[in-house]
Protein backbone atom coordinates (compact mmCIF):
# COMPACT_ATOMS: atom_id res chain seq x y z
CA MET A 1 0.00 0.00 0.00
CA ARG A 2 1.31 3.40 -0.88
CA THR A 3 1.12 6.16 1.73
CA THR A 4 2.65 9.54 2.54
CA LEU A 5 4.29 10.35 5.87
CA ASN A 6 5.97 13.41 7.32
CA ILE A 7 9.27 12.32 8.87
CA ASP A 8 11.83 14.47 10.66
CA ASP A 9 14.67 15.36 8.25
CA GLN A 10 17.45 14.07 10.49
CA LEU A 11 15.58 10.84 11.21
CA LEU A 12 15.06 10.29 7.49
CA LEU A 13 18.77 10.83 6.78
CA ARG A 14 19.68 8.31 9.48
CA ALA A 15 17.16 5.82 8.12
CA LYS A 16 18.47 6.17 4.56
CA ALA A 17 22.04 5.66 5.76
CA GLN A 18 21.05 2.59 7.79
CA ALA A 19 19.15 1.14 4.84
CA ALA A 20 22.18 1.61 2.59
CA VAL A 21 24.52 -0.03 5.12
CA SER A 22 22.07 -2.91 5.63
CA GLY A 23 21.52 -3.38 1.90
CA VAL A 24 17.75 -2.95 2.09
CA THR A 25 15.36 -0.38 0.72
CA LEU A 26 14.20 2.52 2.86
CA ALA A 27 10.67 1.13 2.70
CA GLN A 28 11.83 -2.28 3.95
CA LEU A 29 13.82 -0.70 6.80
CA ILE A 30 10.79 1.34 7.90
CA GLU A 31 8.45 -1.67 7.65
CA ASP A 32 10.84 -3.81 9.72
CA ALA A 33 11.22 -1.09 12.36
CA LEU A 34 7.46 -0.61 12.58
CA ARG A 35 6.84 -4.36 12.89
CA GLU A 36 9.46 -4.61 15.63
CA SER A 37 8.02 -1.64 17.52
CA LEU A 38 4.45 -2.97 17.36
CA SER A 39 5.57 -6.46 18.37
CA ARG A 40 7.47 -5.08 21.37
CA ARG A 41 4.39 -3.15 22.50
CA GLU A 42 2.22 -6.26 22.21
CA ARG A 43 4.66 -8.27 24.32
CA VAL A 44 4.63 -5.59 27.02
CA GLU A 45 0.82 -5.57 27.04
CA GLU A 46 0.73 -9.40 27.30
CA ARG A 47 2.86 -9.36 30.43
CA GLY A 48 0.22 -7.49 32.33
CA ARG A 49 0.71 -5.99 35.73
CA VAL A 50 3.65 -6.84 37.92
CA ARG A 51 3.04 -7.34 41.61
CA ILE A 52 5.81 -5.82 43.69
CA ILE A 53 6.53 -7.67 46.90
CA THR A 54 7.49 -5.46 49.79
CA ALA A 55 8.77 -6.32 53.22
CA LYS A 56 7.76 -4.97 56.59
CA GLY A 57 10.36 -3.54 58.86
CA THR A 58 12.15 -0.42 59.94
CA GLY A 59 14.57 -0.11 57.03
CA THR A 60 18.16 -1.22 56.72
CA ARG A 61 20.19 -2.85 59.45
CA PRO A 62 22.08 -0.50 61.77
CA GLY A 63 25.40 0.62 60.31
CA ILE A 64 24.46 0.10 56.66
CA ASP A 65 24.93 3.17 54.48
CA LEU A 66 23.17 2.75 51.13
CA ASP A 67 25.13 5.70 49.74
CA HIS A 68 28.53 4.05 50.33
CA SER A 69 29.12 1.40 47.65
CA PRO A 70 32.36 -0.08 49.04
CA SER A 71 30.77 -0.89 52.40
CA LEU A 72 27.74 -2.42 50.67
CA LEU A 73 30.03 -4.66 48.61
CA ASP A 74 31.83 -5.76 51.78
CA ILE A 75 28.53 -6.66 53.44
CA MET A 76 27.30 -8.58 50.38
CA GLU A 77 30.53 -10.60 50.20
CA ARG A 78 30.13 -11.87 53.77
């Protein structure tokens, strides 16, 4: 099907360059990208909601500083 689209100039230049490097037509590159984008969205919708499990408590153990990476690594290696 033939259609007309308005595409950002820089995006079009990048797409043409990518098509040339890949050895495909611009139309094929755009079709493939659109299929991939739609497929990715469908997979995200299929996953549904994620239930986040939380824990009760008063926070971290005494002496643990979440802003100090080296001490966290030491604790995790124990």
